[in-house]
Amino acid sequence: MFTRALQDLELIPGKRYKLSAWVKGASAGSVNMEIHEILASGGNNPATARTAVDVTDQWQQIELKYAPDASAVYDQNWIYIFMSGTESLWIDDVTLTEIGYDAEPENDDGSDNANESASNDDRVRIILATPDTNAQLAGMFPEDLAYLQGTDGFSIRTSGNRIYIFGENARGALNGVYDFLTDN
């Protein structure tokens, strides 16, 4: 089984990116997270960024660093997440972050030089959450959470350059994602 992001991404050759997600399975299994370079004429480049990890019934963060070659030719990127060995896979807080150019060195500890939380970062970020996965929601949107209590409803709110899609539970957040994607 797999899922694919419905949004075509246009990642820039020569830049570096980090894709991260929180995952857990209904039982032990494995998950592959991949970024594909898609050609307008059909098909994809043979070089695909991929990470494979074992999953359990506990939440864990997985990460994939991707740096398309500066001379790469493709039209867009697709993100895929494949699962096997577990009946169900839950995926939360999927984030794609630009972390610099290929020529920029990493720090001595292997971390990136890019300041991912810079205050002058003007990129729009979409936050998918429940009160259990993001404790800040209770302080930011208490009226919404009170209204949503006991339902599978959702709220979509903005704060600065962030769009929050949330529900009291995972089903509510999923309903919000569906509504947001349908309308946008």
N, C-alpha and C. Protein backbone atom coordinates (compact mmCIF):
# COMPACT_ATOMS: atom_id res chain seq x y z
N MET A 1 0.85 -1.17 0.00
CA MET A 1 0.00 0.00 0.00
C MET A 1 0.90 1.24 0.00
N PHE A 2 0.39 2.29 -0.64
CA PHE A 2 1.15 3.53 -0.64
C PHE A 2 0.20 4.72 -0.67
N THR A 3 0.76 5.87 -0.35
CA THR A 3 0.05 7.12 -0.49
C THR A 3 0.99 8.08 -1.21
N ARG A 4 0.41 9.02 -1.94
CA ARG A 4 1.19 10.02 -2.65
C ARG A 4 0.61 11.38 -2.36
N ALA A 5 1.48 12.34 -2.13
CA ALA A 5 1.03 13.72 -1.95
C ALA A 5 0.35 14.16 -3.24
N LEU A 6 -0.82 14.78 -3.13
CA LEU A 6 -1.57 15.19 -4.32
C LEU A 6 -1.04 16.48 -4.94
N GLN A 7 -0.16 17.16 -4.24
CA GLN A 7 0.38 18.40 -4.75
C GLN A 7 1.69 18.11 -5.49
N ASP A 8 1.80 18.58 -6.73
CA ASP A 8 3.05 18.47 -7.47
C ASP A 8 4.01 19.51 -6.89
N LEU A 9 5.19 19.06 -6.52
CA LEU A 9 6.19 19.96 -5.95
C LEU A 9 7.21 20.31 -7.01
N GLU A 10 7.69 21.53 -6.98
CA GLU A 10 8.73 21.96 -7.90
C GLU A 10 9.98 22.28 -7.09
N LEU A 11 10.73 21.24 -6.76
CA LEU A 11 11.95 21.40 -5.98
C LEU A 11 13.08 21.79 -6.92
N ILE A 12 13.92 22.69 -6.49
CA ILE A 12 14.91 23.32 -7.35
C ILE A 12 16.21 22.52 -7.36
N PRO A 13 16.67 22.09 -8.55
CA PRO A 13 17.95 21.39 -8.63
C PRO A 13 19.07 22.24 -8.03
N GLY A 14 19.97 21.58 -7.29
CA GLY A 14 21.07 22.27 -6.65
C GLY A 14 20.79 22.68 -5.21
N LYS A 15 19.52 22.66 -4.80
CA LYS A 15 19.18 22.97 -3.41
C LYS A 15 19.03 21.68 -2.63
N ARG A 16 19.10 21.79 -1.31
CA ARG A 16 18.93 20.62 -0.43
C ARG A 16 17.62 20.76 0.33
N TYR A 17 16.97 19.62 0.56
CA TYR A 17 15.68 19.58 1.24
C TYR A 17 15.68 18.47 2.29
N LYS A 18 14.84 18.64 3.29
CA LYS A 18 14.62 17.59 4.28
C LYS A 18 13.12 17.32 4.36
N LEU A 19 12.75 16.07 4.15
CA LEU A 19 11.37 15.62 4.28
C LEU A 19 11.29 14.83 5.57
N SER A 20 10.34 15.19 6.43
CA SER A 20 10.18 14.44 7.67
C SER A 20 8.70 14.16 7.90
N ALA A 21 8.45 13.10 8.65
CA ALA A 21 7.07 12.71 8.98
C ALA A 21 7.11 11.88 10.25
N TRP A 22 6.01 11.92 10.99
CA TRP A 22 5.83 11.06 12.15
C TRP A 22 4.95 9.90 11.69
N VAL A 23 5.36 8.68 12.01
CA VAL A 23 4.62 7.49 11.59
C VAL A 23 4.49 6.50 12.73
N LYS A 24 3.44 5.70 12.66
CA LYS A 24 3.31 4.53 13.54
C LYS A 24 2.40 3.53 12.84
N GLY A 25 2.64 2.26 13.10
CA GLY A 25 1.85 1.21 12.49
C GLY A 25 0.89 0.60 13.49
N ALA A 26 -0.08 -0.16 12.98
CA ALA A 26 -0.98 -0.91 13.85
C ALA A 26 -0.20 -2.04 14.53
N SER A 27 0.87 -2.47 13.86
CA SER A 27 1.77 -3.51 14.37
C SER A 27 3.12 -3.29 13.72
N ALA A 28 4.06 -4.18 13.98
CA ALA A 28 5.39 -4.05 13.38
C ALA A 28 5.29 -4.17 11.86
N GLY A 29 6.11 -3.43 11.18
CA GLY A 29 6.14 -3.44 9.72
C GLY A 29 7.26 -2.55 9.23
N SER A 30 7.17 -2.11 7.99
CA SER A 30 8.19 -1.21 7.46
C SER A 30 7.52 -0.12 6.63
N VAL A 31 8.26 0.97 6.46
CA VAL A 31 7.78 2.09 5.67
C VAL A 31 8.94 2.63 4.84
N ASN A 32 8.65 2.97 3.59
CA ASN A 32 9.59 3.65 2.70
C ASN A 32 9.03 5.03 2.42
N MET A 33 9.86 6.06 2.55
CA MET A 33 9.47 7.41 2.20
C MET A 33 10.37 7.80 1.03
N GLU A 34 9.77 8.30 -0.06
CA GLU A 34 10.51 8.56 -1.28
C GLU A 34 10.13 9.90 -1.90
N ILE A 35 11.10 10.49 -2.61
CA ILE A 35 10.84 11.66 -3.45
C ILE A 35 11.21 11.26 -4.87
N HIS A 36 10.27 11.39 -5.80
CA HIS A 36 10.49 11.03 -7.20
C HIS A 36 10.61 12.27 -8.06
N GLU A 37 11.48 12.23 -9.05
CA GLU A 37 11.61 13.28 -10.05
C GLU A 37 10.76 12.86 -11.25
N ILE A 38 9.69 13.60 -11.53
CA ILE A 38 8.72 13.22 -12.55
C ILE A 38 8.94 14.04 -13.82
N LEU A 39 8.92 13.35 -14.95
CA LEU A 39 9.10 13.98 -16.25
C LEU A 39 7.73 14.26 -16.88
N ALA A 40 7.59 15.40 -17.55
CA ALA A 40 6.31 15.75 -18.19
C ALA A 40 5.94 14.74 -19.26
N SER A 41 6.94 14.14 -19.90
CA SER A 41 6.67 13.18 -20.96
C SER A 41 6.24 11.82 -20.42
N GLY A 42 6.22 11.68 -19.11
CA GLY A 42 5.85 10.41 -18.48
C GLY A 42 7.07 9.76 -17.87
N GLY A 43 6.86 9.02 -16.82
CA GLY A 43 7.96 8.33 -16.16
C GLY A 43 8.68 9.23 -15.17
N ASN A 44 9.76 8.68 -14.63
CA ASN A 44 10.54 9.44 -13.68
C ASN A 44 12.01 9.09 -13.83
N ASN A 45 12.88 9.97 -13.31
CA ASN A 45 14.32 9.73 -13.36
C ASN A 45 14.65 8.53 -12.48
N PRO A 46 15.67 7.77 -12.86
CA PRO A 46 16.01 6.60 -12.07
C PRO A 46 16.53 6.95 -10.67
N ALA A 47 17.10 8.12 -10.50
CA ALA A 47 17.61 8.52 -9.18
C ALA A 47 16.46 9.04 -8.34
N THR A 48 16.14 8.31 -7.29
CA THR A 48 15.06 8.69 -6.40
C THR A 48 15.59 8.70 -4.97
N ALA A 49 15.28 9.72 -4.21
CA ALA A 49 15.68 9.75 -2.80
C ALA A 49 14.75 8.82 -2.04
N ARG A 50 15.33 8.00 -1.16
CA ARG A 50 14.52 7.00 -0.46
C ARG A 50 15.12 6.72 0.91
N THR A 51 14.25 6.51 1.88
CA THR A 51 14.66 6.00 3.18
C THR A 51 13.68 4.91 3.57
N ALA A 52 14.20 3.87 4.20
CA ALA A 52 13.37 2.75 4.66
C ALA A 52 13.62 2.54 6.14
N VAL A 53 12.54 2.41 6.91
CA VAL A 53 12.67 2.18 8.36
C VAL A 53 11.63 1.16 8.81
N ASP A 54 11.95 0.51 9.91
CA ASP A 54 10.98 -0.38 10.55
C ASP A 54 10.06 0.47 11.41
N VAL A 55 8.78 0.12 11.45
CA VAL A 55 7.83 0.83 12.29
C VAL A 55 7.26 -0.12 13.34
N THR A 56 6.78 0.49 14.41
CA THR A 56 6.13 -0.25 15.48
C THR A 56 4.79 0.41 15.75
N ASP A 57 4.18 0.08 16.87
CA ASP A 57 2.93 0.73 17.24
C ASP A 57 3.16 2.00 18.05
N GLN A 58 4.39 2.52 18.03
CA GLN A 58 4.74 3.76 18.70
C GLN A 58 5.11 4.82 17.66
N TRP A 59 4.77 6.09 17.93
CA TRP A 59 5.10 7.17 17.01
C TRP A 59 6.62 7.31 16.92
N GLN A 60 7.14 7.51 15.71
CA GLN A 60 8.54 7.80 15.51
C GLN A 60 8.68 8.73 14.31
N GLN A 61 9.69 9.59 14.37
CA GLN A 61 9.93 10.52 13.28
C GLN A 61 10.91 9.89 12.29
N ILE A 62 10.59 10.01 11.00
CA ILE A 62 11.50 9.57 9.96
C ILE A 62 11.88 10.78 9.12
N GLU A 63 13.11 10.77 8.61
CA GLU A 63 13.61 11.89 7.82
C GLU A 63 14.29 11.39 6.56
N LEU A 64 14.22 12.22 5.53
CA LEU A 64 14.88 11.93 4.26
C LEU A 64 15.48 13.23 3.75
N LYS A 65 16.78 13.23 3.52
CA LYS A 65 17.42 14.39 2.90
C LYS A 65 17.51 14.15 1.41
N TYR A 66 17.26 15.20 0.65
CA TYR A 66 17.18 15.09 -0.81
C TYR A 66 17.86 16.30 -1.42
N ALA A 67 18.78 16.06 -2.34
CA ALA A 67 19.46 17.14 -3.04
C ALA A 67 19.52 16.78 -4.51
N PRO A 68 18.55 17.25 -5.31
CA PRO A 68 18.61 16.95 -6.74
C PRO A 68 19.87 17.57 -7.35
N ASP A 69 20.52 16.82 -8.20
CA ASP A 69 21.72 17.28 -8.86
C ASP A 69 21.43 18.60 -9.58
N ALA A 70 22.39 19.51 -9.55
CA ALA A 70 22.18 20.82 -10.18
C ALA A 70 21.86 20.71 -11.67
N SER A 71 22.27 19.63 -12.31
CA SER A 71 22.00 19.47 -13.74
C SER A 71 20.78 18.57 -14.00
N ALA A 72 20.06 18.19 -12.96
CA ALA A 72 18.90 17.31 -13.12
C ALA A 72 17.82 17.99 -13.97
N VAL A 73 17.15 17.20 -14.80
CA VAL A 73 16.07 17.70 -15.64
C VAL A 73 14.81 16.91 -15.30
N TYR A 74 13.82 17.60 -14.76
CA TYR A 74 12.53 17.00 -14.44
C TYR A 74 11.52 18.12 -14.31
N ASP A 75 10.25 17.78 -14.26
CA ASP A 75 9.21 18.80 -14.26
C ASP A 75 8.60 19.06 -12.89
N GLN A 76 8.52 18.02 -12.08
CA GLN A 76 8.01 18.20 -10.72
C GLN A 76 8.44 17.01 -9.88
N ASN A 77 8.17 17.11 -8.59
CA ASN A 77 8.49 16.02 -7.66
C ASN A 77 7.21 15.52 -7.03
N TRP A 78 7.19 14.22 -6.75
CA TRP A 78 6.10 13.61 -6.00
C TRP A 78 6.68 12.96 -4.76
N ILE A 79 5.92 13.01 -3.70
CA ILE A 79 6.30 12.34 -2.45
C ILE A 79 5.43 11.10 -2.31
N TYR A 80 6.08 9.96 -2.05
CA TYR A 80 5.39 8.70 -1.82
C TYR A 80 5.75 8.16 -0.44
N ILE A 81 4.80 7.51 0.20
CA ILE A 81 5.07 6.75 1.41
C ILE A 81 4.46 5.37 1.22
N PHE A 82 5.31 4.34 1.28
CA PHE A 82 4.89 2.95 1.10
C PHE A 82 4.94 2.23 2.44
N MET A 83 4.00 1.31 2.67
CA MET A 83 4.03 0.52 3.89
C MET A 83 3.92 -0.96 3.55
N SER A 84 4.47 -1.78 4.43
CA SER A 84 4.29 -3.22 4.29
C SER A 84 4.44 -3.87 5.66
N GLY A 85 3.76 -4.99 5.83
CA GLY A 85 3.88 -5.75 7.07
C GLY A 85 2.98 -5.30 8.19
N THR A 86 2.32 -4.17 8.05
CA THR A 86 1.39 -3.69 9.07
C THR A 86 0.05 -3.42 8.40
N GLU A 87 -1.02 -3.66 9.11
CA GLU A 87 -2.35 -3.51 8.53
C GLU A 87 -2.70 -2.05 8.26
N SER A 88 -2.25 -1.16 9.15
CA SER A 88 -2.53 0.27 9.02
C SER A 88 -1.28 1.07 9.35
N LEU A 89 -1.16 2.23 8.72
CA LEU A 89 -0.06 3.14 9.01
C LEU A 89 -0.64 4.52 9.21
N TRP A 90 -0.28 5.15 10.32
CA TRP A 90 -0.71 6.52 10.59
C TRP A 90 0.46 7.43 10.29
N ILE A 91 0.17 8.55 9.60
CA ILE A 91 1.19 9.51 9.19
C ILE A 91 0.75 10.88 9.68
N ASP A 92 1.65 11.61 10.31
CA ASP A 92 1.30 12.92 10.86
C ASP A 92 2.46 13.88 10.66
N ASP A 93 2.16 15.15 10.62
CA ASP A 93 3.13 16.24 10.61
C ASP A 93 4.19 16.05 9.52
N VAL A 94 3.74 15.87 8.29
CA VAL A 94 4.67 15.74 7.17
C VAL A 94 5.18 17.13 6.82
N THR A 95 6.51 17.29 6.80
CA THR A 95 7.11 18.60 6.58
C THR A 95 8.22 18.49 5.56
N LEU A 96 8.22 19.38 4.58
CA LEU A 96 9.30 19.49 3.62
C LEU A 96 9.96 20.84 3.83
N THR A 97 11.25 20.83 4.12
CA THR A 97 11.96 22.06 4.45
C THR A 97 13.17 22.22 3.53
N GLU A 98 13.33 23.42 2.99
CA GLU A 98 14.54 23.73 2.23
C GLU A 98 15.65 23.98 3.23
N ILE A 99 16.79 23.31 3.06
CA ILE A 99 17.87 23.46 4.04
C ILE A 99 19.14 24.04 3.44
N GLY A 100 19.08 24.59 2.24
CA GLY A 100 20.24 25.27 1.67
C GLY A 100 20.59 24.78 0.28
N TYR A 101 21.77 25.18 -0.16
CA TYR A 101 22.29 24.77 -1.47
C TYR A 101 23.27 23.64 -1.31
N ASP A 102 23.42 22.84 -2.37
CA ASP A 102 24.33 21.70 -2.36
C ASP A 102 25.74 22.11 -1.97
N ALA A 103 26.18 23.29 -2.36
CA ALA A 103 27.55 23.72 -2.10
C ALA A 103 27.77 24.12 -0.64
N GLU A 104 26.69 24.34 0.13
CA GLU A 104 26.85 24.74 1.52
C GLU A 104 27.29 23.56 2.36
N PRO A 105 28.35 23.72 3.16
CA PRO A 105 28.81 22.60 3.98
C PRO A 105 27.89 22.36 5.16
N GLU A 106 27.98 21.14 5.69
CA GLU A 106 27.27 20.84 6.92
C GLU A 106 28.17 21.18 8.09
N ASN A 107 27.59 21.32 9.29
CA ASN A 107 28.36 21.57 10.49
C ASN A 107 29.16 20.33 10.86
N ASP A 108 30.11 20.46 11.78
CA ASP A 108 30.94 19.33 12.19
C ASP A 108 30.12 18.17 12.73
N ASP A 109 28.96 18.46 13.33
CA ASP A 109 28.14 17.39 13.90
C ASP A 109 27.22 16.75 12.86
N GLY A 110 27.33 17.14 11.59
CA GLY A 110 26.52 16.55 10.53
C GLY A 110 25.20 17.26 10.32
N SER A 111 24.88 18.25 11.16
CA SER A 111 23.63 18.97 11.01
C SER A 111 23.78 20.03 9.92
N ASP A 112 22.67 20.54 9.46
CA ASP A 112 22.68 21.53 8.38
C ASP A 112 22.96 22.92 8.91
N ASN A 113 23.56 23.75 8.07
CA ASN A 113 23.82 25.14 8.43
C ASN A 113 22.56 25.98 8.40
N ALA A 114 21.60 25.58 7.59
CA ALA A 114 20.40 26.40 7.40
C ALA A 114 19.65 26.54 8.72
N ASN A 115 19.22 27.75 9.02
CA ASN A 115 18.42 27.99 10.21
C ASN A 115 16.97 27.79 9.82
N GLU A 116 16.43 26.61 10.11
CA GLU A 116 15.10 26.25 9.64
C GLU A 116 13.98 27.02 10.34
N SER A 117 14.27 27.61 11.47
CA SER A 117 13.21 28.32 12.18
C SER A 117 13.46 29.82 12.20
N ALA A 118 14.16 30.32 11.21
CA ALA A 118 14.47 31.74 11.16
C ALA A 118 13.20 32.56 11.18
N SER A 119 13.23 33.66 11.92
CA SER A 119 12.03 34.49 12.06
C SER A 119 11.70 35.21 10.76
N ASN A 120 12.66 35.37 9.86
CA ASN A 120 12.37 36.05 8.60
C ASN A 120 11.94 35.06 7.52
N ASP A 121 11.65 33.83 7.89
CA ASP A 121 11.19 32.79 6.97
C ASP A 121 9.76 33.13 6.55
N ASP A 122 9.55 33.43 5.26
CA ASP A 122 8.23 33.84 4.81
C ASP A 122 7.47 32.73 4.11
N ARG A 123 7.98 31.48 4.16
CA ARG A 123 7.27 30.37 3.54
C ARG A 123 6.00 30.06 4.33
N VAL A 124 4.98 29.68 3.61
CA VAL A 124 3.74 29.25 4.26
C VAL A 124 3.92 27.83 4.75
N ARG A 125 3.51 27.57 5.97
CA ARG A 125 3.59 26.23 6.55
C ARG A 125 2.19 25.79 6.93
N ILE A 126 1.89 24.55 6.64
CA ILE A 126 0.60 23.97 7.00
C ILE A 126 0.84 23.03 8.17
N ILE A 127 0.15 23.27 9.27
CA ILE A 127 0.28 22.47 10.48
C ILE A 127 -0.98 21.63 10.63
N LEU A 128 -0.83 20.30 10.60
CA LEU A 128 -1.94 19.37 10.82
C LEU A 128 -1.81 18.86 12.23
N ALA A 129 -2.87 18.96 13.02
CA ALA A 129 -2.69 18.63 14.43
C ALA A 129 -3.99 18.29 15.14
N THR A 130 -3.80 17.71 16.31
CA THR A 130 -4.85 17.54 17.32
C THR A 130 -4.25 18.09 18.61
N PRO A 131 -5.05 18.31 19.64
CA PRO A 131 -4.47 18.78 20.91
C PRO A 131 -3.42 17.81 21.46
N ASP A 132 -3.55 16.52 21.13
CA ASP A 132 -2.57 15.53 21.60
C ASP A 132 -1.23 15.64 20.88
N THR A 133 -1.23 16.08 19.61
CA THR A 133 0.01 16.17 18.85
C THR A 133 0.62 17.56 18.87
N ASN A 134 -0.14 18.58 19.27
CA ASN A 134 0.37 19.95 19.31
C ASN A 134 -0.27 20.66 20.50
N ALA A 135 0.45 20.71 21.60
CA ALA A 135 -0.08 21.31 22.83
C ALA A 135 -0.35 22.81 22.69
N GLN A 136 0.27 23.47 21.72
CA GLN A 136 0.07 24.91 21.53
C GLN A 136 -1.36 25.25 21.09
N LEU A 137 -2.07 24.30 20.50
CA LEU A 137 -3.42 24.58 20.02
C LEU A 137 -4.33 25.09 21.13
N ALA A 138 -4.23 24.50 22.31
CA ALA A 138 -5.11 24.87 23.43
C ALA A 138 -4.97 26.35 23.78
N GLY A 139 -3.76 26.87 23.71
CA GLY A 139 -3.55 28.29 24.01
C GLY A 139 -3.88 29.20 22.85
N MET A 140 -3.74 28.70 21.63
CA MET A 140 -3.95 29.54 20.46
C MET A 140 -5.42 29.61 20.03
N PHE A 141 -6.13 28.47 20.12
CA PHE A 141 -7.49 28.40 19.61
C PHE A 141 -8.43 27.71 20.61
N PRO A 142 -8.53 28.23 21.83
CA PRO A 142 -9.35 27.55 22.84
C PRO A 142 -10.84 27.51 22.49
N GLU A 143 -11.35 28.56 21.85
CA GLU A 143 -12.77 28.57 21.49
C GLU A 143 -13.09 27.49 20.46
N ASP A 144 -12.22 27.35 19.48
CA ASP A 144 -12.42 26.33 18.46
C ASP A 144 -12.42 24.94 19.08
N LEU A 145 -11.44 24.67 19.95
CA LEU A 145 -11.34 23.35 20.56
C LEU A 145 -12.55 23.06 21.45
N ALA A 146 -13.04 24.08 22.14
CA ALA A 146 -14.24 23.88 22.96
C ALA A 146 -15.44 23.54 22.08
N TYR A 147 -15.57 24.21 20.96
CA TYR A 147 -16.68 23.96 20.03
C TYR A 147 -16.58 22.57 19.39
N LEU A 148 -15.36 22.12 19.13
CA LEU A 148 -15.13 20.84 18.46
C LEU A 148 -15.22 19.63 19.40
N GLN A 149 -15.25 19.88 20.69
CA GLN A 149 -15.20 18.78 21.66
C GLN A 149 -16.31 17.75 21.41
N GLY A 150 -15.88 16.48 21.35
CA GLY A 150 -16.83 15.39 21.17
C GLY A 150 -17.30 15.18 19.74
N THR A 151 -16.66 15.85 18.77
CA THR A 151 -17.09 15.73 17.37
C THR A 151 -15.90 15.32 16.49
N ASP A 152 -16.20 15.03 15.24
CA ASP A 152 -15.16 14.81 14.23
C ASP A 152 -15.01 16.04 13.37
N GLY A 153 -15.39 17.19 13.91
CA GLY A 153 -15.29 18.45 13.18
C GLY A 153 -13.86 18.95 13.15
N PHE A 154 -13.66 20.07 12.49
CA PHE A 154 -12.31 20.62 12.31
C PHE A 154 -12.39 22.14 12.26
N SER A 155 -11.23 22.75 12.40
CA SER A 155 -11.07 24.19 12.19
C SER A 155 -9.86 24.41 11.31
N ILE A 156 -9.93 25.46 10.52
CA ILE A 156 -8.80 25.89 9.71
C ILE A 156 -8.57 27.35 10.07
N ARG A 157 -7.43 27.64 10.65
CA ARG A 157 -7.11 28.99 11.11
C ARG A 157 -5.71 29.37 10.63
N THR A 158 -5.45 30.65 10.55
CA THR A 158 -4.11 31.12 10.19
C THR A 158 -3.53 31.92 11.35
N SER A 159 -2.22 31.88 11.42
CA SER A 159 -1.48 32.69 12.37
C SER A 159 -0.14 32.98 11.71
N GLY A 160 0.06 34.22 11.30
CA GLY A 160 1.27 34.58 10.57
C GLY A 160 1.32 33.83 9.25
N ASN A 161 2.43 33.13 9.00
CA ASN A 161 2.58 32.38 7.77
C ASN A 161 2.22 30.90 7.95
N ARG A 162 1.48 30.59 8.98
CA ARG A 162 1.08 29.20 9.25
C ARG A 162 -0.42 29.02 9.09
N ILE A 163 -0.77 27.92 8.46
CA ILE A 163 -2.17 27.51 8.34
C ILE A 163 -2.34 26.30 9.25
N TYR A 164 -3.22 26.40 10.22
CA TYR A 164 -3.48 25.31 11.14
C TYR A 164 -4.76 24.59 10.71
N ILE A 165 -4.64 23.30 10.48
CA ILE A 165 -5.80 22.45 10.21
C ILE A 165 -5.86 21.46 11.36
N PHE A 166 -6.91 21.55 12.16
CA PHE A 166 -6.92 20.71 13.36
C PHE A 166 -8.33 20.29 13.73
N GLY A 167 -8.37 19.23 14.50
CA GLY A 167 -9.61 18.73 15.06
C GLY A 167 -9.33 18.24 16.46
N GLU A 168 -10.39 17.90 17.19
CA GLU A 168 -10.19 17.38 18.54
C GLU A 168 -9.52 16.01 18.48
N ASN A 169 -9.74 15.29 17.37
CA ASN A 169 -9.16 13.96 17.21
C ASN A 169 -8.62 13.85 15.77
N ALA A 170 -7.96 12.73 15.50
CA ALA A 170 -7.33 12.54 14.19
C ALA A 170 -8.35 12.56 13.05
N ARG A 171 -9.52 12.01 13.28
CA ARG A 171 -10.55 12.00 12.23
C ARG A 171 -10.97 13.43 11.89
N GLY A 172 -11.10 14.29 12.88
CA GLY A 172 -11.45 15.68 12.63
C GLY A 172 -10.37 16.39 11.82
N ALA A 173 -9.10 16.15 12.17
CA ALA A 173 -8.00 16.75 11.40
C ALA A 173 -8.02 16.25 9.96
N LEU A 174 -8.27 14.96 9.78
CA LEU A 174 -8.35 14.39 8.43
C LEU A 174 -9.50 15.02 7.64
N ASN A 175 -10.65 15.22 8.29
CA ASN A 175 -11.77 15.89 7.63
C ASN A 175 -11.36 17.30 7.19
N GLY A 176 -10.58 17.98 8.03
CA GLY A 176 -10.11 19.32 7.70
C GLY A 176 -9.17 19.32 6.50
N VAL A 177 -8.30 18.32 6.44
CA VAL A 177 -7.38 18.20 5.30
C VAL A 177 -8.18 17.99 4.02
N TYR A 178 -9.17 17.11 4.07
CA TYR A 178 -9.99 16.85 2.88
C TYR A 178 -10.68 18.14 2.43
N ASP A 179 -11.27 18.86 3.36
CA ASP A 179 -11.95 20.11 3.02
C ASP A 179 -10.98 21.13 2.44
N PHE A 180 -9.81 21.25 3.07
CA PHE A 180 -8.81 22.22 2.60
C PHE A 180 -8.35 21.87 1.18
N LEU A 181 -8.06 20.60 0.92
CA LEU A 181 -7.60 20.20 -0.40
C LEU A 181 -8.69 20.34 -1.45
N THR A 182 -9.94 20.08 -1.06
CA THR A 182 -11.05 20.20 -1.99
C THR A 182 -11.25 21.66 -2.40
N ASP A 183 -11.11 22.57 -1.44
CA ASP A 183 -11.34 23.99 -1.71
C ASP A 183 -10.15 24.71 -2.30
N ASN A 184 -8.98 24.12 -2.20
CA ASN A 184 -7.76 24.79 -2.68
C ASN A 184 -7.10 23.98 -3.74
